[in-house]
Amino acid sequence: MNNPVFGHQFFGEVTIEAATEVMTVRFRDINGAVPHTTEIPPRD
């Protein structure tokens, strides 16, 4: 069952570092833990 009560609730968070313009995308679970992170560099 994909019920949030059983820990199956995730949300995304995106930040962009001003100095490097690297975009970081994180998935967070219901407790705030980060099970997956991806960094995307800026285009040239």
Protein backbone atom coordinates (compact mmCIF):
# COMPACT_ATOMS: atom_id res chain seq x y z
CA MET A 1 0.00 0.00 0.00
CA ASN A 2 1.40 3.45 -0.93
CA ASN A 3 -0.03 5.27 2.05
CA PRO A 4 1.97 8.18 3.59
CA VAL A 5 1.42 6.59 7.00
CA PHE A 6 3.70 3.75 5.88
CA GLY A 7 6.54 6.06 4.80
CA HIS A 8 5.66 6.30 1.11
CA GLN A 9 5.41 10.10 1.00
CA PHE A 10 8.13 12.05 -0.85
CA PHE A 11 8.54 15.63 -1.98
CA GLY A 12 11.12 17.45 -4.06
CA GLU A 13 13.41 20.32 -3.16
CA VAL A 14 15.45 22.34 -5.66
CA THR A 15 18.27 24.78 -4.87
CA ILE A 16 20.57 26.72 -7.18
CA GLU A 17 23.99 27.77 -5.91
CA ALA A 18 24.52 31.42 -6.90
CA ALA A 19 28.31 31.21 -7.29
CA THR A 20 28.43 28.05 -9.43
CA GLU A 21 24.86 27.98 -10.85
CA VAL A 22 24.72 24.25 -10.02
CA MET A 23 21.14 23.07 -9.49
CA THR A 24 20.68 20.47 -6.78
CA VAL A 25 17.49 18.38 -6.75
CA ARG A 26 16.68 16.37 -3.62
CA PHE A 27 13.88 13.96 -2.82
CA ARG A 28 12.88 13.98 0.84
CA ASP A 29 10.80 11.45 2.70
CA ILE A 30 8.15 12.16 5.32
CA ASN A 31 10.86 12.41 8.03
CA GLY A 32 13.01 14.86 6.06
CA ALA A 33 15.70 12.31 5.15
CA VAL A 34 17.18 12.60 1.64
CA PRO A 35 17.13 9.21 -0.14
CA HIS A 36 18.23 10.67 -3.50
CA THR A 37 20.12 13.77 -4.69
CA THR A 38 21.13 14.88 -8.18
CA GLU A 39 23.35 17.82 -9.09
CA ILE A 40 22.91 19.40 -12.52
CA PRO A 41 25.67 21.68 -13.81
CA PRO A 42 24.81 24.85 -15.74
CA ARG A 43 24.88 24.84 -19.53
CA ASP A 44 27.75 26.54 -21.27
